[in-house]
PDB file of N, CA and C in Angstrom:
ATOM      1  N   MET A   1      -0.164 -46.181 -49.020  1.00  0.00           N
ATOM      2  CA  MET A   1       0.475 -45.739 -47.829  1.00  0.00           C
ATOM      3  C   MET A   1       0.619 -46.717 -46.738  1.00  0.00           C
ATOM      4  N   ARG A   2       2.031 -46.494 -46.218  1.00  0.00           N
ATOM      5  CA  ARG A   2       2.174 -48.136 -45.067  1.00  0.00           C
ATOM      6  C   ARG A   2       1.637 -47.623 -44.044  1.00  0.00           C
ATOM      7  N   ALA A   3       1.473 -48.440 -43.472  1.00  0.00           N
ATOM      8  CA  ALA A   3       0.560 -48.832 -41.769  1.00  0.00           C
ATOM      9  C   ALA A   3       1.964 -48.157 -41.231  1.00  0.00           C
ATOM     10  N   TYR A   4       1.055 -47.447 -40.189  1.00  0.00           N
ATOM     11  CA  TYR A   4       2.231 -46.902 -39.051  1.00  0.00           C
ATOM     12  C   TYR A   4       2.741 -47.899 -37.935  1.00  0.00           C
ATOM     13  N   LYS A   5       3.883 -47.956 -37.517  1.00  0.00           N
ATOM     14  CA  LYS A   5       4.311 -49.347 -36.780  1.00  0.00           C
ATOM     15  C   LYS A   5       4.996 -48.478 -35.139  1.00  0.00           C
ATOM     16  N   LEU A   6       4.227 -48.332 -34.072  1.00  0.00           N
ATOM     17  CA  LEU A   6       5.324 -48.398 -32.974  1.00  0.00           C
ATOM     18  C   LEU A   6       6.558 -48.797 -32.478  1.00  0.00           C
ATOM     19  N   SER A   7       7.949 -48.149 -33.053  1.00  0.00           N
ATOM     20  CA  SER A   7       9.161 -48.501 -32.345  1.00  0.00           C
ATOM     21  C   SER A   7       9.390 -48.676 -31.366  1.00  0.00           C
ATOM     22  N   SER A   8       9.290 -47.780 -30.345  1.00  0.00           N
ATOM     23  CA  SER A   8       9.813 -47.791 -29.061  1.00  0.00           C
ATOM     24  C   SER A   8       8.723 -46.739 -28.113  1.00  0.00           C
ATOM     25  N   ILE A   9       8.952 -47.238 -26.813  1.00  0.00           N
ATOM     26  CA  ILE A   9       7.960 -46.123 -25.846  1.00  0.00           C
ATOM     27  C   ILE A   9       8.918 -45.797 -24.506  1.00  0.00           C
ATOM     28  N   LEU A  10       8.743 -44.429 -24.389  1.00  0.00           N
ATOM     29  CA  LEU A  10       9.626 -43.592 -23.226  1.00  0.00           C
ATOM     30  C   LEU A  10       8.729 -43.776 -22.258  1.00  0.00           C
ATOM     31  N   ASP A  11       8.606 -44.310 -21.315  1.00  0.00           N
ATOM     32  CA  ASP A  11       7.564 -44.983 -20.295  1.00  0.00           C
ATOM     33  C   ASP A  11       8.220 -43.852 -18.768  1.00  0.00           C
ATOM     34  N   GLY A  12       7.913 -43.095 -18.675  1.00  0.00           N
ATOM     35  CA  GLY A  12       8.621 -42.124 -17.149  1.00  0.00           C
ATOM     36  C   GLY A  12       7.426 -41.131 -16.704  1.00  0.00           C
ATOM     37  N   HIS A  13       7.267 -40.378 -17.769  1.00  0.00           N
ATOM     38  CA  HIS A  13       6.404 -38.797 -17.905  1.00  0.00           C
ATOM     39  C   HIS A  13       5.191 -39.040 -17.530  1.00  0.00           C
ATOM     40  N   LYS A  14       4.575 -38.403 -16.586  1.00  0.00           N
ATOM     41  CA  LYS A  14       3.195 -38.689 -15.883  1.00  0.00           C
ATOM     42  C   LYS A  14       2.032 -38.118 -16.333  1.00  0.00           C
ATOM     43  N   ASN A  15       2.469 -37.363 -18.075  1.00  0.00           N
ATOM     44  CA  ASN A  15       1.730 -36.884 -18.526  1.00  0.00           C
ATOM     45  C   ASN A  15       1.962 -36.711 -19.772  1.00  0.00           C
ATOM     46  N   ASP A  16       1.474 -36.487 -21.159  1.00  0.00           N
ATOM     47  CA  ASP A  16       1.581 -36.820 -22.691  1.00  0.00           C
ATOM     48  C   ASP A  16       3.004 -35.955 -22.767  1.00  0.00           C
ATOM     49  N   VAL A  17       3.676 -36.701 -24.049  1.00  0.00           N
ATOM     50  CA  VAL A  17       5.101 -35.645 -24.070  1.00  0.00           C
ATOM     51  C   VAL A  17       4.257 -35.086 -25.152  1.00  0.00           C
ATOM     52  N   ARG A  18       5.228 -33.696 -25.317  1.00  0.00           N
ATOM     53  CA  ARG A  18       4.624 -32.534 -26.096  1.00  0.00           C
ATOM     54  C   ARG A  18       6.039 -31.933 -26.911  1.00  0.00           C
ATOM     55  N   CYS A  19       6.723 -32.456 -26.719  1.00  0.00           N
ATOM     56  CA  CYS A  19       8.414 -32.257 -27.415  1.00  0.00           C
ATOM     57  C   CYS A  19       9.353 -33.267 -27.234  1.00  0.00           C
ATOM     58  N   LEU A  20       9.983 -33.531 -28.447  1.00  0.00           N
ATOM     59  CA  LEU A  20      11.654 -34.597 -28.251  1.00  0.00           C
ATOM     60  C   LEU A  20      12.429 -33.508 -29.078  1.00  0.00           C
ATOM     61  N   ALA A  21      13.619 -34.188 -28.930  1.00  0.00           N
ATOM     62  CA  ALA A  21      15.020 -33.673 -29.572  1.00  0.00           C
ATOM     63  C   ALA A  21      16.393 -34.810 -29.183  1.00  0.00           C
ATOM     64  N   ALA A  22      16.679 -35.191 -30.575  1.00  0.00           N
ATOM     65  CA  ALA A  22      17.548 -35.466 -30.550  1.00  0.00           C
ATOM     66  C   ALA A  22      18.898 -35.100 -29.893  1.00  0.00           C
ATOM     67  N   PHE A  23      19.457 -35.794 -28.987  1.00  0.00           N
ATOM     68  CA  PHE A  23      20.597 -35.335 -28.329  1.00  0.00           C
ATOM     69  C   PHE A  23      21.669 -36.405 -28.438  1.00  0.00           C
ATOM     70  N   PRO A  24      22.918 -35.558 -28.988  1.00  0.00           N
ATOM     71  CA  PRO A  24      24.103 -36.375 -29.167  1.00  0.00           C
ATOM     72  C   PRO A  24      24.795 -37.321 -28.185  1.00  0.00           C
ATOM     73  N   GLY A  25      25.104 -38.369 -28.815  1.00  0.00           N
ATOM     74  CA  GLY A  25      25.322 -39.525 -27.861  1.00  0.00           C
ATOM     75  C   GLY A  25      24.043 -40.760 -27.903  1.00  0.00           C
ATOM     76  N   ASP A  26      23.728 -40.937 -28.913  1.00  0.00           N
ATOM     77  CA  ASP A  26      22.118 -41.928 -28.976  1.00  0.00           C
ATOM     78  C   ASP A  26      21.614 -41.717 -27.842  1.00  0.00           C
ATOM     79  N   ALA A  27      21.011 -40.185 -27.500  1.00  0.00           N
ATOM     80  CA  ALA A  27      19.957 -40.004 -26.454  1.00  0.00           C
ATOM     81  C   ALA A  27      19.006 -39.314 -26.852  1.00  0.00           C
ATOM     82  N   LEU A  28      17.975 -38.951 -26.163  1.00  0.00           N
ATOM     83  CA  LEU A  28      16.990 -38.187 -26.588  1.00  0.00           C
ATOM     84  C   LEU A  28      15.870 -36.877 -25.321  1.00  0.00           C
ATOM     85  N   VAL A  29      15.705 -36.037 -25.532  1.00  0.00           N
ATOM     86  CA  VAL A  29      15.242 -35.325 -24.886  1.00  0.00           C
ATOM     87  C   VAL A  29      13.877 -34.908 -24.603  1.00  0.00           C
ATOM     88  N   SER A  30      12.828 -35.254 -23.769  1.00  0.00           N
ATOM     89  CA  SER A  30      11.448 -35.163 -23.514  1.00  0.00           C
ATOM     90  C   SER A  30      11.224 -34.097 -22.745  1.00  0.00           C
ATOM     91  N   GLY A  31       9.792 -33.519 -23.329  1.00  0.00           N
ATOM     92  CA  GLY A  31       9.578 -32.479 -22.244  1.00  0.00           C
ATOM     93  C   GLY A  31       7.995 -32.761 -22.320  1.00  0.00           C
ATOM     94  N   SER A  32       7.019 -32.462 -20.938  1.00  0.00           N
ATOM     95  CA  SER A  32       6.085 -33.178 -21.098  1.00  0.00           C
ATOM     96  C   SER A  32       5.164 -31.710 -20.569  1.00  0.00           C
ATOM     97  N   ARG A  33       3.704 -32.277 -20.522  1.00  0.00           N
ATOM     98  CA  ARG A  33       2.813 -31.867 -19.508  1.00  0.00           C
ATOM     99  C   ARG A  33       2.499 -31.952 -18.348  1.00  0.00           C
ATOM    100  N   ASP A  34       3.803 -32.686 -17.728  1.00  0.00           N
ATOM    101  CA  ASP A  34       3.490 -33.085 -16.471  1.00  0.00           C
ATOM    102  C   ASP A  34       5.171 -31.737 -15.694  1.00  0.00           C
ATOM    103  N   MET A  35       5.131 -31.074 -16.881  1.00  0.00           N
ATOM    104  CA  MET A  35       5.972 -30.107 -16.357  1.00  0.00           C
ATOM    105  C   MET A  35       7.305 -30.512 -16.275  1.00  0.00           C
ATOM    106  N   LYS A  36       7.847 -31.683 -16.617  1.00  0.00           N
ATOM    107  CA  LYS A  36       9.101 -31.927 -16.357  1.00  0.00           C
ATOM    108  C   LYS A  36      10.061 -32.403 -17.942  1.00  0.00           C
ATOM    109  N   VAL A  37      11.507 -32.214 -17.907  1.00  0.00           N
ATOM    110  CA  VAL A  37      11.934 -32.540 -18.818  1.00  0.00           C
ATOM    111  C   VAL A  37      13.432 -33.390 -19.044  1.00  0.00           C
ATOM    112  N   LYS A  38      13.309 -34.945 -19.450  1.00  0.00           N
ATOM    113  CA  LYS A  38      13.924 -36.036 -19.058  1.00  0.00           C
ATOM    114  C   LYS A  38      15.240 -36.239 -20.239  1.00  0.00           C
ATOM    115  N   LEU A  39      16.255 -36.909 -19.892  1.00  0.00           N
ATOM    116  CA  LEU A  39      17.044 -37.061 -20.458  1.00  0.00           C
ATOM    117  C   LEU A  39      16.917 -38.829 -20.727  1.00  0.00           C
ATOM    118  N   TRP A  40      17.071 -39.524 -22.110  1.00  0.00           N
ATOM    119  CA  TRP A  40      17.263 -41.014 -22.288  1.00  0.00           C
ATOM    120  C   TRP A  40      18.190 -41.128 -22.757  1.00  0.00           C
ATOM    121  N   SER A  41      18.691 -42.413 -22.613  1.00  0.00           N
ATOM    122  CA  SER A  41      19.712 -42.973 -23.178  1.00  0.00           C
ATOM    123  C   SER A  41      19.354 -44.277 -24.164  1.00  0.00           C
ATOM    124  N   SER A  42      20.124 -44.592 -25.032  1.00  0.00           N
ATOM    125  CA  SER A  42      19.583 -45.840 -26.090  1.00  0.00           C
ATOM    126  C   SER A  42      20.309 -47.374 -25.767  1.00  0.00           C
ATOM    127  N   GLU A  43      19.444 -48.201 -25.697  1.00  0.00           N
ATOM    128  CA  GLU A  43      19.776 -49.423 -25.756  1.00  0.00           C
ATOM    129  C   GLU A  43      19.093 -50.568 -27.085  1.00  0.00           C
ATOM    130  N   GLY A  44      20.108 -50.791 -27.579  1.00  0.00           N
ATOM    131  CA  GLY A  44      19.466 -51.869 -28.756  1.00  0.00           C
ATOM    132  C   GLY A  44      19.096 -50.881 -29.484  1.00  0.00           C
ATOM    133  N   GLY A  45      19.526 -50.207 -29.894  1.00  0.00           N
ATOM    134  CA  GLY A  45      19.559 -49.574 -31.512  1.00  0.00           C
ATOM    135  C   GLY A  45      18.348 -48.204 -31.251  1.00  0.00           C
ATOM    136  N   GLY A  46      18.295 -48.026 -30.089  1.00  0.00           N
ATOM    137  CA  GLY A  46      16.666 -47.181 -30.709  1.00  0.00           C
ATOM    138  C   GLY A  46      15.606 -47.756 -30.040  1.00  0.00           C
ATOM    139  N   LYS A  47      15.553 -48.987 -29.929  1.00  0.00           N
ATOM    140  CA  LYS A  47      14.418 -50.077 -29.553  1.00  0.00           C
ATOM    141  C   LYS A  47      13.922 -49.718 -27.891  1.00  0.00           C
ATOM    142  N   HIS A  48      15.395 -49.742 -27.034  1.00  0.00           N
ATOM    143  CA  HIS A  48      15.160 -49.795 -25.617  1.00  0.00           C
ATOM    144  C   HIS A  48      15.526 -47.841 -25.049  1.00  0.00           C
ATOM    145  N   TRP A  49      15.103 -47.528 -24.192  1.00  0.00           N
ATOM    146  CA  TRP A  49      15.360 -46.447 -23.921  1.00  0.00           C
ATOM    147  C   TRP A  49      15.341 -46.566 -22.070  1.00  0.00           C
ATOM    148  N   ASN A  50      16.533 -45.810 -21.780  1.00  0.00           N
ATOM    149  CA  ASN A  50      16.416 -45.718 -20.275  1.00  0.00           C
ATOM    150  C   ASN A  50      16.492 -44.273 -19.556  1.00  0.00           C
ATOM    151  N   GLU A  51      15.736 -43.548 -18.920  1.00  0.00           N
ATOM    152  CA  GLU A  51      15.645 -42.552 -18.314  1.00  0.00           C
ATOM    153  C   GLU A  51      16.795 -42.584 -17.319  1.00  0.00           C
ATOM    154  N   GLN A  52      17.530 -41.281 -17.781  1.00  0.00           N
ATOM    155  CA  GLN A  52      18.937 -40.927 -17.095  1.00  0.00           C
ATOM    156  C   GLN A  52      18.706 -39.731 -15.928  1.00  0.00           C
ATOM    157  N   ILE A  53      18.431 -38.639 -16.395  1.00  0.00           N
ATOM    158  CA  ILE A  53      18.283 -37.697 -15.995  1.00  0.00           C
ATOM    159  C   ILE A  53      16.624 -37.121 -15.810  1.00  0.00           C
ATOM    160  N   THR A  54      16.595 -36.555 -14.799  1.00  0.00           N
ATOM    161  CA  THR A  54      14.862 -35.535 -14.988  1.00  0.00           C
ATOM    162  C   THR A  54      14.962 -34.268 -14.401  1.00  0.00           C
ATOM    163  N   TYR A  55      14.809 -32.925 -15.060  1.00  0.00           N
ATOM    164  CA  TYR A  55      14.851 -31.531 -15.055  1.00  0.00           C
ATOM    165  C   TYR A  55      13.829 -31.076 -14.469  1.00  0.00           C
ATOM    166  N   GLU A  56      13.487 -30.849 -13.495  1.00  0.00           N
ATOM    167  CA  GLU A  56      12.325 -30.046 -12.977  1.00  0.00           C
ATOM    168  C   GLU A  56      12.467 -28.308 -12.868  1.00  0.00           C
ATOM    169  N   GLY A  57      11.609 -27.550 -13.225  1.00  0.00           N
ATOM    170  CA  GLY A  57      11.370 -26.059 -12.724  1.00  0.00           C
ATOM    171  C   GLY A  57      10.571 -25.125 -13.277  1.00  0.00           C
ATOM    172  N   HIS A  58       9.931 -25.773 -14.413  1.00  0.00           N
ATOM    173  CA  HIS A  58       8.794 -25.198 -15.074  1.00  0.00           C
ATOM    174  C   HIS A  58       7.899 -25.381 -13.870  1.00  0.00           C
ATOM    175  N   THR A  59       6.428 -24.575 -13.849  1.00  0.00           N
ATOM    176  CA  THR A  59       5.638 -24.428 -13.239  1.00  0.00           C
ATOM    177  C   THR A  59       3.863 -24.451 -14.312  1.00  0.00           C
ATOM    178  N   ALA A  60       4.707 -25.088 -15.282  1.00  0.00           N
ATOM    179  CA  ALA A  60       3.434 -25.392 -16.420  1.00  0.00           C
ATOM    180  C   ALA A  60       4.105 -26.235 -17.558  1.00  0.00           C
ATOM    181  N   TYR A  61       3.056 -26.920 -18.516  1.00  0.00           N
ATOM    182  CA  TYR A  61       4.008 -27.655 -19.236  1.00  0.00           C
ATOM    183  C   TYR A  61       5.015 -26.972 -20.211  1.00  0.00           C
ATOM    184  N   VAL A  62       5.737 -28.164 -20.635  1.00  0.00           N
ATOM    185  CA  VAL A  62       6.967 -28.062 -21.398  1.00  0.00           C
ATOM    186  C   VAL A  62       6.488 -28.123 -22.671  1.00  0.00           C
ATOM    187  N   THR A  63       6.567 -26.572 -23.406  1.00  0.00           N
ATOM    188  CA  THR A  63       6.368 -26.866 -25.162  1.00  0.00           C
ATOM    189  C   THR A  63       7.477 -27.256 -26.179  1.00  0.00           C
ATOM    190  N   SER A  64       8.497 -26.800 -25.508  1.00  0.00           N
ATOM    191  CA  SER A  64       9.570 -26.546 -26.854  1.00  0.00           C
ATOM    192  C   SER A  64      10.622 -27.178 -26.125  1.00  0.00           C
ATOM    193  N   LEU A  65      11.697 -28.085 -26.783  1.00  0.00           N
ATOM    194  CA  LEU A  65      13.164 -28.359 -26.936  1.00  0.00           C
ATOM    195  C   LEU A  65      14.368 -27.981 -27.915  1.00  0.00           C
ATOM    196  N   ALA A  66      15.302 -27.648 -27.303  1.00  0.00           N
ATOM    197  CA  ALA A  66      16.456 -27.592 -28.812  1.00  0.00           C
ATOM    198  C   ALA A  66      17.578 -28.019 -28.000  1.00  0.00           C
ATOM    199  N   VAL A  67      18.376 -28.266 -28.618  1.00  0.00           N
ATOM    200  CA  VAL A  67      19.836 -29.106 -28.404  1.00  0.00           C
ATOM    201  C   VAL A  67      21.139 -28.011 -28.779  1.00  0.00           C
ATOM    202  N   MET A  68      21.911 -27.611 -28.103  1.00  0.00           N
ATOM    203  CA  MET A  68      23.494 -27.248 -28.491  1.00  0.00           C
ATOM    204  C   MET A  68      24.106 -28.119 -28.401  1.00  0.00           C
ATOM    205  N   PRO A  69      24.916 -28.938 -29.525  1.00  0.00           N
ATOM    206  CA  PRO A  69      25.958 -30.034 -29.177  1.00  0.00           C
ATOM    207  C   PRO A  69      26.788 -29.116 -28.573  1.00  0.00           C
ATOM    208  N   SER A  70      27.827 -30.146 -28.102  1.00  0.00           N
ATOM    209  CA  SER A  70      28.950 -29.751 -27.141  1.00  0.00           C
ATOM    210  C   SER A  70      30.071 -28.534 -27.867  1.00  0.00           C
ATOM    211  N   ASN A  71      30.742 -28.077 -27.185  1.00  0.00           N
ATOM    212  CA  ASN A  71      31.735 -26.902 -27.952  1.00  0.00           C
ATOM    213  C   ASN A  71      32.838 -26.600 -27.009  1.00  0.00           C
ATOM    214  N   GLU A  72      33.593 -26.225 -27.025  1.00  0.00           N
ATOM    215  CA  GLU A  72      34.801 -25.773 -25.936  1.00  0.00           C
ATOM    216  C   GLU A  72      33.877 -25.131 -25.047  1.00  0.00           C
ATOM    217  N   SER A  73      33.201 -24.143 -25.175  1.00  0.00           N
ATOM    218  CA  SER A  73      32.699 -23.520 -23.530  1.00  0.00           C
ATOM    219  C   SER A  73      31.332 -24.828 -22.950  1.00  0.00           C
ATOM    220  N   TYR A  74      31.000 -25.470 -23.528  1.00  0.00           N
ATOM    221  CA  TYR A  74      29.852 -26.325 -22.631  1.00  0.00           C
ATOM    222  C   TYR A  74      30.069 -27.516 -23.509  1.00  0.00           C
ATOM    223  N   PRO A  75      31.879 -28.348 -22.738  1.00  0.00           N
ATOM    224  CA  PRO A  75      31.669 -29.887 -23.471  1.00  0.00           C
ATOM    225  C   PRO A  75      30.464 -30.940 -23.271  1.00  0.00           C
ATOM    226  N   ASP A  76      29.441 -30.484 -22.456  1.00  0.00           N
ATOM    227  CA  ASP A  76      28.957 -31.539 -22.284  1.00  0.00           C
ATOM    228  C   ASP A  76      27.282 -30.972 -23.177  1.00  0.00           C
ATOM    229  N   GLY A  77      27.451 -30.170 -24.044  1.00  0.00           N
ATOM    230  CA  GLY A  77      25.928 -29.122 -24.694  1.00  0.00           C
ATOM    231  C   GLY A  77      25.218 -28.917 -23.750  1.00  0.00           C
ATOM    232  N   LEU A  78      24.239 -27.892 -24.028  1.00  0.00           N
ATOM    233  CA  LEU A  78      23.063 -27.752 -23.750  1.00  0.00           C
ATOM    234  C   LEU A  78      21.798 -28.139 -23.990  1.00  0.00           C
ATOM    235  N   ILE A  79      21.042 -28.232 -22.971  1.00  0.00           N
ATOM    236  CA  ILE A  79      19.381 -28.615 -23.547  1.00  0.00           C
ATOM    237  C   ILE A  79      18.728 -27.329 -23.115  1.00  0.00           C
ATOM    238  N   TYR A  80      17.982 -26.432 -24.088  1.00  0.00           N
ATOM    239  CA  TYR A  80      17.085 -25.658 -23.562  1.00  0.00           C
ATOM    240  C   TYR A  80      15.790 -25.741 -24.021  1.00  0.00           C
ATOM    241  N   THR A  81      14.816 -25.275 -22.849  1.00  0.00           N
ATOM    242  CA  THR A  81      13.122 -25.508 -22.807  1.00  0.00           C
ATOM    243  C   THR A  81      12.691 -24.179 -22.420  1.00  0.00           C
ATOM    244  N   GLY A  82      11.527 -24.547 -23.371  1.00  0.00           N
ATOM    245  CA  GLY A  82      10.391 -23.609 -23.293  1.00  0.00           C
ATOM    246  C   GLY A  82       8.985 -23.978 -22.458  1.00  0.00           C
ATOM    247  N   SER A  83       8.098 -22.845 -21.766  1.00  0.00           N
ATOM    248  CA  SER A  83       6.945 -23.333 -21.376  1.00  0.00           C
ATOM    249  C   SER A  83       5.877 -22.607 -21.198  1.00  0.00           C
ATOM    250  N   ASN A  84       4.910 -23.077 -21.341  1.00  0.00           N
ATOM    251  CA  ASN A  84       3.640 -21.967 -21.068  1.00  0.00           C
ATOM    252  C   ASN A  84       3.619 -20.957 -19.634  1.00  0.00           C
ATOM    253  N   ASP A  85       4.830 -21.337 -18.670  1.00  0.00           N
ATOM    254  CA  ASP A  85       5.130 -20.426 -17.883  1.00  0.00           C
ATOM    255  C   ASP A  85       5.744 -19.191 -18.237  1.00  0.00           C
ATOM    256  N   GLY A  86       5.872 -19.263 -19.414  1.00  0.00           N
ATOM    257  CA  GLY A  86       6.737 -18.017 -20.138  1.00  0.00           C
ATOM    258  C   GLY A  86       8.281 -18.109 -19.893  1.00  0.00           C
ATOM    259  N   LYS A  87       8.945 -18.687 -19.074  1.00  0.00           N
ATOM    260  CA  LYS A  87      10.111 -19.068 -18.999  1.00  0.00           C
ATOM    261  C   LYS A  87      11.111 -19.949 -19.865  1.00  0.00           C
ATOM    262  N   GLY A  88      11.747 -19.395 -20.011  1.00  0.00           N
ATOM    263  CA  GLY A  88      12.630 -20.421 -21.017  1.00  0.00           C
ATOM    264  C   GLY A  88      14.336 -20.974 -19.958  1.00  0.00           C
ATOM    265  N   PHE A  89      14.855 -21.956 -19.727  1.00  0.00           N
ATOM    266  CA  PHE A  89      15.630 -22.279 -19.068  1.00  0.00           C
ATOM    267  C   PHE A  89      16.637 -22.965 -20.367  1.00  0.00           C
TER     268      PHE A  89
END
């Protein structure tokens, strides 16, 4: 069995990250127990990540994420989030 090797760090949440999803265009979306969702862009082929946007609105931690790629109706795509507050955005 090969040893685990950390390849990069997303530094910006105030609590543990509960979910990640790939976003088109070399980006990631993360959800955390800090009740926030963050969009990250990649530099250096995924070795370095820069926080681009922070989404707020949940009143409990974010438990799930899904990404819908761009289409005619939503040219930038969509990010769906779920939380222990019983709400989805």
